[in-house]
Amino acid sequence: MLALHRDGATLSVKLTPNASKDAFVRVDRTADGKKELRATVTAVPEKGKANAALIKLLSKKLRIPKSSVQLIKGGQNQHKTILIEGPPDEILSQLKNKFRIMGLLA
């Protein structure tokens, strides 16, 4: 789910648009055994609206600036890779702590 990147940390997300609320749902395992954050947004999946809603949700829930969150893979797919920019080790540690506090990581 979380991994180091030369510019920060990456986050694997499975996004469900057209949902009843914007939320982090749970952490699932993919078919290949990797962890992936399940998120839902109320936005429709057209013209980047759902992707923008995901970035807004991540920024709000993780309390990080929107300018440091960017979609780097999966623009037209439910499975997305998000880059959160910053000092890699520091960002990764902060994200793990925030996800633990939210009850999404053990």
PDB file of N, CA and C in Angstrom:
ATOM      1  N   MET A   1       0.826  -1.186   0.000  1.00  0.00           N
ATOM      2  CA  MET A   1       0.000   0.000   0.000  1.00  0.00           C
ATOM      3  C   MET A   1       0.872   1.252   0.000  1.00  0.00           C
ATOM      4  N   LEU A   2       1.851   1.300   0.878  1.00  0.00           N
ATOM      5  CA  LEU A   2       2.770   2.439   0.953  1.00  0.00           C
ATOM      6  C   LEU A   2       4.163   1.990   0.545  1.00  0.00           C
ATOM      7  N   ALA A   3       4.849   2.823  -0.205  1.00  0.00           N
ATOM      8  CA  ALA A   3       6.211   2.496  -0.626  1.00  0.00           C
ATOM      9  C   ALA A   3       7.029   3.770  -0.775  1.00  0.00           C
ATOM     10  N   LEU A   4       8.322   3.626  -0.595  1.00  0.00           N
ATOM     11  CA  LEU A   4       9.230   4.751  -0.810  1.00  0.00           C
ATOM     12  C   LEU A   4       9.303   5.087  -2.291  1.00  0.00           C
ATOM     13  N   HIS A   5       9.482   6.340  -2.584  1.00  0.00           N
ATOM     14  CA  HIS A   5       9.664   6.847  -3.946  1.00  0.00           C
ATOM     15  C   HIS A   5      10.749   7.905  -3.847  1.00  0.00           C
ATOM     16  N   ARG A   6      11.490   8.127  -4.882  1.00  0.00           N
ATOM     17  CA  ARG A   6      12.594   9.092  -4.801  1.00  0.00           C
ATOM     18  C   ARG A   6      12.122  10.510  -4.439  1.00  0.00           C
ATOM     19  N   ASP A   7      10.843  10.812  -4.735  1.00  0.00           N
ATOM     20  CA  ASP A   7      10.295  12.144  -4.444  1.00  0.00           C
ATOM     21  C   ASP A   7       9.365  12.167  -3.230  1.00  0.00           C
ATOM     22  N   GLY A   8       9.222  11.040  -2.531  1.00  0.00           N
ATOM     23  CA  GLY A   8       8.329  10.979  -1.377  1.00  0.00           C
ATOM     24  C   GLY A   8       7.910   9.553  -1.101  1.00  0.00           C
ATOM     25  N   ALA A   9       6.601   9.330  -1.106  1.00  0.00           N
ATOM     26  CA  ALA A   9       6.051   7.991  -0.888  1.00  0.00           C
ATOM     27  C   ALA A   9       4.862   7.794  -1.822  1.00  0.00           C
ATOM     28  N   THR A  10       4.659   6.544  -2.238  1.00  0.00           N
ATOM     29  CA  THR A  10       3.512   6.234  -3.076  1.00  0.00           C
ATOM     30  C   THR A  10       2.474   5.469  -2.266  1.00  0.00           C
ATOM     31  N   LEU A  11       1.245   5.622  -2.690  1.00  0.00           N
ATOM     32  CA  LEU A  11       0.105   4.995  -2.044  1.00  0.00           C
ATOM     33  C   LEU A  11      -0.727   4.316  -3.131  1.00  0.00           C
ATOM     34  N   SER A  12      -1.023   3.027  -2.941  1.00  0.00           N
ATOM     35  CA  SER A  12      -1.882   2.287  -3.878  1.00  0.00           C
ATOM     36  C   SER A  12      -3.321   2.402  -3.404  1.00  0.00           C
ATOM     37  N   VAL A  13      -4.194   2.796  -4.328  1.00  0.00           N
ATOM     38  CA  VAL A  13      -5.602   3.040  -3.982  1.00  0.00           C
ATOM     39  C   VAL A  13      -6.507   2.384  -5.021  1.00  0.00           C
ATOM     40  N   LYS A  14      -7.584   1.764  -4.544  1.00  0.00           N
ATOM     41  CA  LYS A  14      -8.660   1.331  -5.440  1.00  0.00           C
ATOM     42  C   LYS A  14      -9.808   2.295  -5.182  1.00  0.00           C
ATOM     43  N   LEU A  15     -10.182   3.050  -6.193  1.00  0.00           N
ATOM     44  CA  LEU A  15     -11.187   4.104  -6.060  1.00  0.00           C
ATOM     45  C   LEU A  15     -12.532   3.671  -6.625  1.00  0.00           C
ATOM     46  N   THR A  16     -13.580   3.910  -5.845  1.00  0.00           N
ATOM     47  CA  THR A  16     -14.950   3.675  -6.300  1.00  0.00           C
ATOM     48  C   THR A  16     -15.658   5.022  -6.387  1.00  0.00           C
ATOM     49  N   PRO A  17     -15.932   5.496  -7.618  1.00  0.00           N
ATOM     50  CA  PRO A  17     -16.666   6.756  -7.784  1.00  0.00           C
ATOM     51  C   PRO A  17     -18.170   6.534  -7.634  1.00  0.00           C
ATOM     52  N   ASN A  18     -18.939   7.613  -7.683  1.00  0.00           N
ATOM     53  CA  ASN A  18     -20.408   7.567  -7.584  1.00  0.00           C
ATOM     54  C   ASN A  18     -20.885   6.919  -6.286  1.00  0.00           C
ATOM     55  N   ALA A  19     -20.113   7.052  -5.235  1.00  0.00           N
ATOM     56  CA  ALA A  19     -20.480   6.454  -3.948  1.00  0.00           C
ATOM     57  C   ALA A  19     -21.355   7.421  -3.151  1.00  0.00           C
ATOM     58  N   SER A  20     -21.851   6.962  -2.016  1.00  0.00           N
ATOM     59  CA  SER A  20     -22.711   7.809  -1.193  1.00  0.00           C
ATOM     60  C   SER A  20     -21.930   8.811  -0.360  1.00  0.00           C
ATOM     61  N   LYS A  21     -20.613   8.565  -0.175  1.00  0.00           N
ATOM     62  CA  LYS A  21     -19.790   9.506   0.589  1.00  0.00           C
ATOM     63  C   LYS A  21     -18.327   9.397   0.185  1.00  0.00           C
ATOM     64  N   ASP A  22     -17.580  10.439   0.522  1.00  0.00           N
ATOM     65  CA  ASP A  22     -16.139  10.433   0.319  1.00  0.00           C
ATOM     66  C   ASP A  22     -15.521   9.836   1.574  1.00  0.00           C
ATOM     67  N   ALA A  23     -14.806   8.719   1.430  1.00  0.00           N
ATOM     68  CA  ALA A  23     -14.263   8.058   2.622  1.00  0.00           C
ATOM     69  C   ALA A  23     -13.174   7.055   2.268  1.00  0.00           C
ATOM     70  N   PHE A  24     -12.346   6.769   3.278  1.00  0.00           N
ATOM     71  CA  PHE A  24     -11.454   5.615   3.221  1.00  0.00           C
ATOM     72  C   PHE A  24     -12.265   4.471   3.803  1.00  0.00           C
ATOM     73  N   VAL A  25     -12.352   3.359   3.093  1.00  0.00           N
ATOM     74  CA  VAL A  25     -13.203   2.253   3.509  1.00  0.00           C
ATOM     75  C   VAL A  25     -12.424   1.223   4.316  1.00  0.00           C
ATOM     76  N   ARG A  26     -11.360   0.707   3.725  1.00  0.00           N
ATOM     77  CA  ARG A  26     -10.556  -0.336   4.369  1.00  0.00           C
ATOM     78  C   ARG A  26      -9.299  -0.574   3.537  1.00  0.00           C
ATOM     79  N   VAL A  27      -8.467  -1.467   4.017  1.00  0.00           N
ATOM     80  CA  VAL A  27      -7.301  -1.905   3.265  1.00  0.00           C
ATOM     81  C   VAL A  27      -7.573  -3.333   2.818  1.00  0.00           C
ATOM     82  N   ASP A  28      -7.452  -3.581   1.533  1.00  0.00           N
ATOM     83  CA  ASP A  28      -7.667  -4.910   0.954  1.00  0.00           C
ATOM     84  C   ASP A  28      -6.354  -5.469   0.437  1.00  0.00           C
ATOM     85  N   ARG A  29      -6.349  -6.768   0.200  1.00  0.00           N
ATOM     86  CA  ARG A  29      -5.224  -7.417  -0.473  1.00  0.00           C
ATOM     87  C   ARG A  29      -5.626  -7.661  -1.931  1.00  0.00           C
ATOM     88  N   THR A  30      -4.707  -7.374  -2.824  1.00  0.00           N
ATOM     89  CA  THR A  30      -4.949  -7.622  -4.239  1.00  0.00           C
ATOM     90  C   THR A  30      -4.688  -9.092  -4.541  1.00  0.00           C
ATOM     91  N   ALA A  31      -4.975  -9.525  -5.751  1.00  0.00           N
ATOM     92  CA  ALA A  31      -4.769 -10.919  -6.150  1.00  0.00           C
ATOM     93  C   ALA A  31      -3.306 -11.340  -5.996  1.00  0.00           C
ATOM     94  N   ASP A  32      -2.391 -10.383  -6.162  1.00  0.00           N
ATOM     95  CA  ASP A  32      -0.969 -10.722  -6.024  1.00  0.00           C
ATOM     96  C   ASP A  32      -0.444 -10.520  -4.599  1.00  0.00           C
ATOM     97  N   GLY A  33      -1.356 -10.289  -3.644  1.00  0.00           N
ATOM     98  CA  GLY A  33      -0.977 -10.218  -2.238  1.00  0.00           C
ATOM     99  C   GLY A  33      -0.571  -8.856  -1.717  1.00  0.00           C
ATOM    100  N   LYS A  34      -0.595  -7.845  -2.558  1.00  0.00           N
ATOM    101  CA  LYS A  34      -0.225  -6.498  -2.111  1.00  0.00           C
ATOM    102  C   LYS A  34      -1.415  -5.816  -1.438  1.00  0.00           C
ATOM    103  N   LYS A  35      -1.120  -4.881  -0.541  1.00  0.00           N
ATOM    104  CA  LYS A  35      -2.178  -4.122   0.125  1.00  0.00           C
ATOM    105  C   LYS A  35      -2.560  -2.911  -0.714  1.00  0.00           C
ATOM    106  N   GLU A  36      -3.847  -2.563  -0.642  1.00  0.00           N
ATOM    107  CA  GLU A  36      -4.382  -1.443  -1.415  1.00  0.00           C
ATOM    108  C   GLU A  36      -5.474  -0.764  -0.585  1.00  0.00           C
ATOM    109  N   LEU A  37      -5.412   0.551  -0.494  1.00  0.00           N
ATOM    110  CA  LEU A  37      -6.422   1.321   0.218  1.00  0.00           C
ATOM    111  C   LEU A  37      -7.679   1.409  -0.635  1.00  0.00           C
ATOM    112  N   ARG A  38      -8.837   1.071  -0.060  1.00  0.00           N
ATOM    113  CA  ARG A  38     -10.114   1.243  -0.751  1.00  0.00           C
ATOM    114  C   ARG A  38     -10.663   2.594  -0.357  1.00  0.00           C
ATOM    115  N   ALA A  39     -11.012   3.403  -1.337  1.00  0.00           N
ATOM    116  CA  ALA A  39     -11.577   4.727  -1.095  1.00  0.00           C
ATOM    117  C   ALA A  39     -12.802   4.903  -1.969  1.00  0.00           C
ATOM    118  N   THR A  40     -13.739   5.713  -1.476  1.00  0.00           N
ATOM    119  CA  THR A  40     -14.931   6.037  -2.249  1.00  0.00           C
ATOM    120  C   THR A  40     -15.066   7.549  -2.336  1.00  0.00           C
ATOM    121  N   VAL A  41     -15.609   8.009  -3.455  1.00  0.00           N
ATOM    122  CA  VAL A  41     -15.895   9.432  -3.642  1.00  0.00           C
ATOM    123  C   VAL A  41     -17.270   9.573  -4.296  1.00  0.00           C
ATOM    124  N   THR A  42     -17.924  10.693  -4.030  1.00  0.00           N
ATOM    125  CA  THR A  42     -19.242  10.931  -4.613  1.00  0.00           C
ATOM    126  C   THR A  42     -19.152  11.425  -6.054  1.00  0.00           C
ATOM    127  N   ALA A  43     -17.993  11.884  -6.456  1.00  0.00           N
ATOM    128  CA  ALA A  43     -17.809  12.439  -7.802  1.00  0.00           C
ATOM    129  C   ALA A  43     -17.962  11.365  -8.877  1.00  0.00           C
ATOM    130  N   VAL A  44     -18.346  11.824 -10.053  1.00  0.00           N
ATOM    131  CA  VAL A  44     -18.498  10.923 -11.202  1.00  0.00           C
ATOM    132  C   VAL A  44     -17.144  10.705 -11.874  1.00  0.00           C
ATOM    133  N   PRO A  45     -16.977   9.543 -12.526  1.00  0.00           N
ATOM    134  CA  PRO A  45     -15.701   9.244 -13.168  1.00  0.00           C
ATOM    135  C   PRO A  45     -15.586   9.821 -14.579  1.00  0.00           C
ATOM    136  N   GLU A  46     -15.717  11.125 -14.697  1.00  0.00           N
ATOM    137  CA  GLU A  46     -15.570  11.743 -16.012  1.00  0.00           C
ATOM    138  C   GLU A  46     -14.788  13.043 -15.882  1.00  0.00           C
ATOM    139  N   LYS A  47     -13.967  13.298 -16.875  1.00  0.00           N
ATOM    140  CA  LYS A  47     -13.168  14.522 -16.939  1.00  0.00           C
ATOM    141  C   LYS A  47     -12.317  14.747 -15.690  1.00  0.00           C
ATOM    142  N   GLY A  48     -11.845  13.650 -15.070  1.00  0.00           N
ATOM    143  CA  GLY A  48     -10.945  13.756 -13.930  1.00  0.00           C
ATOM    144  C   GLY A  48     -11.597  14.154 -12.615  1.00  0.00           C
ATOM    145  N   LYS A  49     -12.931  14.198 -12.583  1.00  0.00           N
ATOM    146  CA  LYS A  49     -13.618  14.639 -11.355  1.00  0.00           C
ATOM    147  C   LYS A  49     -13.398  13.687 -10.183  1.00  0.00           C
ATOM    148  N   ALA A  50     -13.456  12.386 -10.431  1.00  0.00           N
ATOM    149  CA  ALA A  50     -13.247  11.414  -9.348  1.00  0.00           C
ATOM    150  C   ALA A  50     -11.800  11.460  -8.863  1.00  0.00           C
ATOM    151  N   ASN A  51     -10.856  11.618  -9.783  1.00  0.00           N
ATOM    152  CA  ASN A  51      -9.447  11.719  -9.390  1.00  0.00           C
ATOM    153  C   ASN A  51      -9.208  12.968  -8.539  1.00  0.00           C
ATOM    154  N   ALA A  52      -9.798  14.076  -8.931  1.00  0.00           N
ATOM    155  CA  ALA A  52      -9.651  15.318  -8.158  1.00  0.00           C
ATOM    156  C   ALA A  52     -10.279  15.160  -6.772  1.00  0.00           C
ATOM    157  N   ALA A  53     -11.411  14.466  -6.703  1.00  0.00           N
ATOM    158  CA  ALA A  53     -12.064  14.234  -5.411  1.00  0.00           C
ATOM    159  C   ALA A  53     -11.199  13.342  -4.519  1.00  0.00           C
ATOM    160  N   LEU A  54     -10.516  12.364  -5.111  1.00  0.00           N
ATOM    161  CA  LEU A  54      -9.611  11.504  -4.344  1.00  0.00           C
ATOM    162  C   LEU A  54      -8.456  12.312  -3.768  1.00  0.00           C
ATOM    163  N   ILE A  55      -7.870  13.181  -4.572  1.00  0.00           N
ATOM    164  CA  ILE A  55      -6.761  14.013  -4.099  1.00  0.00           C
ATOM    165  C   ILE A  55      -7.238  14.924  -2.969  1.00  0.00           C
ATOM    166  N   LYS A  56      -8.414  15.482  -3.115  1.00  0.00           N
ATOM    167  CA  LYS A  56      -8.977  16.331  -2.063  1.00  0.00           C
ATOM    168  C   LYS A  56      -9.209  15.530  -0.778  1.00  0.00           C
ATOM    169  N   LEU A  57      -9.746  14.329  -0.915  1.00  0.00           N
ATOM    170  CA  LEU A  57      -9.992  13.454   0.239  1.00  0.00           C
ATOM    171  C   LEU A  57      -8.681  13.107   0.946  1.00  0.00           C
ATOM    172  N   LEU A  58      -7.676  12.720   0.185  1.00  0.00           N
ATOM    173  CA  LEU A  58      -6.376  12.388   0.776  1.00  0.00           C
ATOM    174  C   LEU A  58      -5.788  13.584   1.501  1.00  0.00           C
ATOM    175  N   SER A  59      -5.854  14.731   0.865  1.00  0.00           N
ATOM    176  CA  SER A  59      -5.308  15.952   1.463  1.00  0.00           C
ATOM    177  C   SER A  59      -6.010  16.272   2.780  1.00  0.00           C
ATOM    178  N   LYS A  60      -7.320  16.173   2.772  1.00  0.00           N
ATOM    179  CA  LYS A  60      -8.099  16.517   3.965  1.00  0.00           C
ATOM    180  C   LYS A  60      -7.866  15.509   5.096  1.00  0.00           C
ATOM    181  N   LYS A  61      -8.017  14.226   4.799  1.00  0.00           N
ATOM    182  CA  LYS A  61      -7.920  13.196   5.835  1.00  0.00           C
ATOM    183  C   LYS A  61      -6.499  13.041   6.375  1.00  0.00           C
ATOM    184  N   LEU A  62      -5.502  13.219   5.506  1.00  0.00           N
ATOM    185  CA  LEU A  62      -4.111  13.050   5.937  1.00  0.00           C
ATOM    186  C   LEU A  62      -3.481  14.362   6.394  1.00  0.00           C
ATOM    187  N   ARG A  63      -4.241  15.449   6.238  1.00  0.00           N
ATOM    188  CA  ARG A  63      -3.776  16.785   6.630  1.00  0.00           C
ATOM    189  C   ARG A  63      -2.439  17.139   5.969  1.00  0.00           C
ATOM    190  N   ILE A  64      -2.465  17.032   4.657  1.00  0.00           N
ATOM    191  CA  ILE A  64      -1.301  17.413   3.859  1.00  0.00           C
ATOM    192  C   ILE A  64      -1.786  18.341   2.742  1.00  0.00           C
ATOM    193  N   PRO A  65      -0.914  19.222   2.251  1.00  0.00           N
ATOM    194  CA  PRO A  65      -1.341  20.136   1.187  1.00  0.00           C
ATOM    195  C   PRO A  65      -1.682  19.394  -0.110  1.00  0.00           C
ATOM    196  N   LYS A  66      -2.735  19.847  -0.789  1.00  0.00           N
ATOM    197  CA  LYS A  66      -3.106  19.237  -2.072  1.00  0.00           C
ATOM    198  C   LYS A  66      -1.967  19.322  -3.075  1.00  0.00           C
ATOM    199  N   SER A  67      -1.156  20.362  -2.953  1.00  0.00           N
ATOM    200  CA  SER A  67      -0.053  20.543  -3.897  1.00  0.00           C
ATOM    201  C   SER A  67       1.005  19.452  -3.778  1.00  0.00           C
ATOM    202  N   SER A  68       1.033  18.708  -2.673  1.00  0.00           N
ATOM    203  CA  SER A  68       2.025  17.639  -2.545  1.00  0.00           C
ATOM    204  C   SER A  68       1.438  16.261  -2.857  1.00  0.00           C
ATOM    205  N   VAL A  69       0.211  16.227  -3.369  1.00  0.00           N
ATOM    206  CA  VAL A  69      -0.441  14.962  -3.726  1.00  0.00           C
ATOM    207  C   VAL A  69      -0.695  14.958  -5.226  1.00  0.00           C
ATOM    208  N   GLN A  70      -0.213  13.916  -5.903  1.00  0.00           N
ATOM    209  CA  GLN A  70      -0.480  13.833  -7.335  1.00  0.00           C
ATOM    210  C   GLN A  70      -0.694  12.401  -7.792  1.00  0.00           C
ATOM    211  N   LEU A  71      -1.576  12.257  -8.752  1.00  0.00           N
ATOM    212  CA  LEU A  71      -1.854  10.969  -9.371  1.00  0.00           C
ATOM    213  C   LEU A  71      -0.735  10.679 -10.364  1.00  0.00           C
ATOM    214  N   ILE A  72      -0.039   9.549 -10.191  1.00  0.00           N
ATOM    215  CA  ILE A  72       1.046   9.237 -11.125  1.00  0.00           C
ATOM    216  C   ILE A  72       0.757   8.017 -11.988  1.00  0.00           C
ATOM    217  N   LYS A  73      -0.309   7.266 -11.645  1.00  0.00           N
ATOM    218  CA  LYS A  73      -0.661   6.088 -12.446  1.00  0.00           C
ATOM    219  C   LYS A  73      -2.133   5.767 -12.230  1.00  0.00           C
ATOM    220  N   GLY A  74      -2.817   5.371 -13.292  1.00  0.00           N
ATOM    221  CA  GLY A  74      -4.194   4.914 -13.182  1.00  0.00           C
ATOM    222  C   GLY A  74      -5.247   5.972 -13.387  1.00  0.00           C
ATOM    223  N   GLY A  75      -4.961   6.978 -14.178  1.00  0.00           N
ATOM    224  CA  GLY A  75      -5.918   8.062 -14.404  1.00  0.00           C
ATOM    225  C   GLY A  75      -7.267   7.599 -14.916  1.00  0.00           C
ATOM    226  N   GLN A  76      -7.293   6.550 -15.722  1.00  0.00           N
ATOM    227  CA  GLN A  76      -8.541   6.048 -16.305  1.00  0.00           C
ATOM    228  C   GLN A  76      -8.915   4.675 -15.748  1.00  0.00           C
ATOM    229  N   ASN A  77      -8.399   4.342 -14.578  1.00  0.00           N
ATOM    230  CA  ASN A  77      -8.555   3.020 -14.000  1.00  0.00           C
ATOM    231  C   ASN A  77      -8.963   3.157 -12.539  1.00  0.00           C
ATOM    232  N   GLN A  78      -9.602   2.140 -11.972  1.00  0.00           N
ATOM    233  CA  GLN A  78      -9.940   2.168 -10.548  1.00  0.00           C
ATOM    234  C   GLN A  78      -8.700   2.038  -9.672  1.00  0.00           C
ATOM    235  N   HIS A  79      -7.685   1.348 -10.156  1.00  0.00           N
ATOM    236  CA  HIS A  79      -6.457   1.126  -9.401  1.00  0.00           C
ATOM    237  C   HIS A  79      -5.490   2.266  -9.691  1.00  0.00           C
ATOM    238  N   LYS A  80      -5.142   3.003  -8.649  1.00  0.00           N
ATOM    239  CA  LYS A  80      -4.355   4.220  -8.815  1.00  0.00           C
ATOM    240  C   LYS A  80      -3.100   4.188  -7.953  1.00  0.00           C
ATOM    241  N   THR A  81      -2.095   4.905  -8.399  1.00  0.00           N
ATOM    242  CA  THR A  81      -0.902   5.124  -7.599  1.00  0.00           C
ATOM    243  C   THR A  81      -0.791   6.625  -7.390  1.00  0.00           C
ATOM    244  N   ILE A  82      -0.737   7.003  -6.126  1.00  0.00           N
ATOM    245  CA  ILE A  82      -0.666   8.400  -5.727  1.00  0.00           C
ATOM    246  C   ILE A  82       0.731   8.669  -5.164  1.00  0.00           C
ATOM    247  N   LEU A  83       1.326   9.771  -5.574  1.00  0.00           N
ATOM    248  CA  LEU A  83       2.607  10.212  -5.018  1.00  0.00           C
ATOM    249  C   LEU A  83       2.338  11.323  -4.023  1.00  0.00           C
ATOM    250  N   ILE A  84       2.892  11.161  -2.832  1.00  0.00           N
ATOM    251  CA  ILE A  84       2.840  12.212  -1.820  1.00  0.00           C
ATOM    252  C   ILE A  84       4.276  12.694  -1.664  1.00  0.00           C
ATOM    253  N   GLU A  85       4.499  13.936  -2.096  1.00  0.00           N
ATOM    254  CA  GLU A  85       5.853  14.465  -2.175  1.00  0.00           C
ATOM    255  C   GLU A  85       6.375  14.938  -0.824  1.00  0.00           C
ATOM    256  N   GLY A  86       7.685  14.779  -0.661  1.00  0.00           N
ATOM    257  CA  GLY A  86       8.362  15.219   0.544  1.00  0.00           C
ATOM    258  C   GLY A  86       9.569  14.337   0.790  1.00  0.00           C
ATOM    259  N   PRO A  87      10.274  14.573   1.895  1.00  0.00           N
ATOM    260  CA  PRO A  87      11.417  13.710   2.220  1.00  0.00           C
ATOM    261  C   PRO A  87      10.921  12.265   2.384  1.00  0.00           C
ATOM    262  N   PRO A  88      11.395  11.334   1.557  1.00  0.00           N
ATOM    263  CA  PRO A  88      10.822   9.988   1.491  1.00  0.00           C
ATOM    264  C   PRO A  88      10.630   9.277   2.837  1.00  0.00           C
ATOM    265  N   ASP A  89      11.678   9.144   3.621  1.00  0.00           N
ATOM    266  CA  ASP A  89      11.551   8.418   4.891  1.00  0.00           C
ATOM    267  C   ASP A  89      10.579   9.105   5.842  1.00  0.00           C
ATOM    268  N   GLU A  90      10.632  10.427   5.881  1.00  0.00           N
ATOM    269  CA  GLU A  90       9.762  11.196   6.768  1.00  0.00           C
ATOM    270  C   GLU A  90       8.295  11.065   6.350  1.00  0.00           C
ATOM    271  N   ILE A  91       8.029  11.212   5.063  1.00  0.00           N
ATOM    272  CA  ILE A  91       6.658  11.111   4.548  1.00  0.00           C
ATOM    273  C   ILE A  91       6.105   9.706   4.788  1.00  0.00           C
ATOM    274  N   LEU A  92       6.901   8.683   4.495  1.00  0.00           N
ATOM    275  CA  LEU A  92       6.446   7.311   4.675  1.00  0.00           C
ATOM    276  C   LEU A  92       6.090   7.053   6.138  1.00  0.00           C
ATOM    277  N   SER A  93       6.922   7.492   7.041  1.00  0.00           N
ATOM    278  CA  SER A  93       6.677   7.314   8.470  1.00  0.00           C
ATOM    279  C   SER A  93       5.408   8.047   8.909  1.00  0.00           C
ATOM    280  N   GLN A  94       5.245   9.289   8.456  1.00  0.00           N
ATOM    281  CA  GLN A  94       4.059  10.076   8.810  1.00  0.00           C
ATOM    282  C   GLN A  94       2.782   9.413   8.283  1.00  0.00           C
ATOM    283  N   LEU A  95       2.835   8.924   7.054  1.00  0.00           N
ATOM    284  CA  LEU A  95       1.652   8.286   6.469  1.00  0.00           C
ATOM    285  C   LEU A  95       1.276   7.020   7.230  1.00  0.00           C
ATOM    286  N   LYS A  96       2.269   6.200   7.556  1.00  0.00           N
ATOM    287  CA  LYS A  96       1.986   4.974   8.310  1.00  0.00           C
ATOM    288  C   LYS A  96       1.329   5.313   9.639  1.00  0.00           C
ATOM    289  N   ASN A  97       1.844   6.317  10.329  1.00  0.00           N
ATOM    290  CA  ASN A  97       1.258   6.718  11.607  1.00  0.00           C
ATOM    291  C   ASN A  97      -0.173   7.206  11.439  1.00  0.00           C
ATOM    292  N   LYS A  98      -0.428   8.010  10.419  1.00  0.00           N
ATOM    293  CA  LYS A  98      -1.780   8.536  10.205  1.00  0.00           C
ATOM    294  C   LYS A  98      -2.760   7.413   9.860  1.00  0.00           C
ATOM    295  N   PHE A  99      -2.331   6.441   9.046  1.00  0.00           N
ATOM    296  CA  PHE A  99      -3.212   5.336   8.701  1.00  0.00           C
ATOM    297  C   PHE A  99      -3.458   4.433   9.912  1.00  0.00           C
ATOM    298  N   ARG A 100      -2.462   4.284  10.787  1.00  0.00           N
ATOM    299  CA  ARG A 100      -2.658   3.515  12.021  1.00  0.00           C
ATOM    300  C   ARG A 100      -3.694   4.210  12.912  1.00  0.00           C
ATOM    301  N   ILE A 101      -3.563   5.513  13.050  1.00  0.00           N
ATOM    302  CA  ILE A 101      -4.507   6.273  13.881  1.00  0.00           C
ATOM    303  C   ILE A 101      -5.925   6.137  13.343  1.00  0.00           C
ATOM    304  N   MET A 102      -6.079   6.087  12.019  1.00  0.00           N
ATOM    305  CA  MET A 102      -7.405   5.929  11.408  1.00  0.00           C
ATOM    306  C   MET A 102      -7.898   4.486  11.475  1.00  0.00           C
ATOM    307  N   GLY A 103      -7.060   3.590  11.965  1.00  0.00           N
ATOM    308  CA  GLY A 103      -7.453   2.176  12.075  1.00  0.00           C
ATOM    309  C   GLY A 103      -7.344   1.401  10.787  1.00  0.00           C
ATOM    310  N   LEU A 104      -6.599   1.933   9.824  1.00  0.00           N
ATOM    311  CA  LEU A 104      -6.469   1.259   8.532  1.00  0.00           C
ATOM    312  C   LEU A 104      -5.229   0.391   8.444  1.00  0.00           C
ATOM    313  N   LEU A 105      -4.291   0.560   9.353  1.00  0.00           N
ATOM    314  CA  LEU A 105      -3.097  -0.281   9.410  1.00  0.00           C
ATOM    315  C   LEU A 105      -2.959  -0.820  10.826  1.00  0.00           C
ATOM    316  N   ALA A 106      -2.476  -2.048  10.901  1.00  0.00           N
ATOM    317  CA  ALA A 106      -2.265  -2.651  12.231  1.00  0.00           C
ATOM    318  C   ALA A 106      -0.971  -2.164  12.849  1.00  0.00           C
TER     319      ALA A 106
END
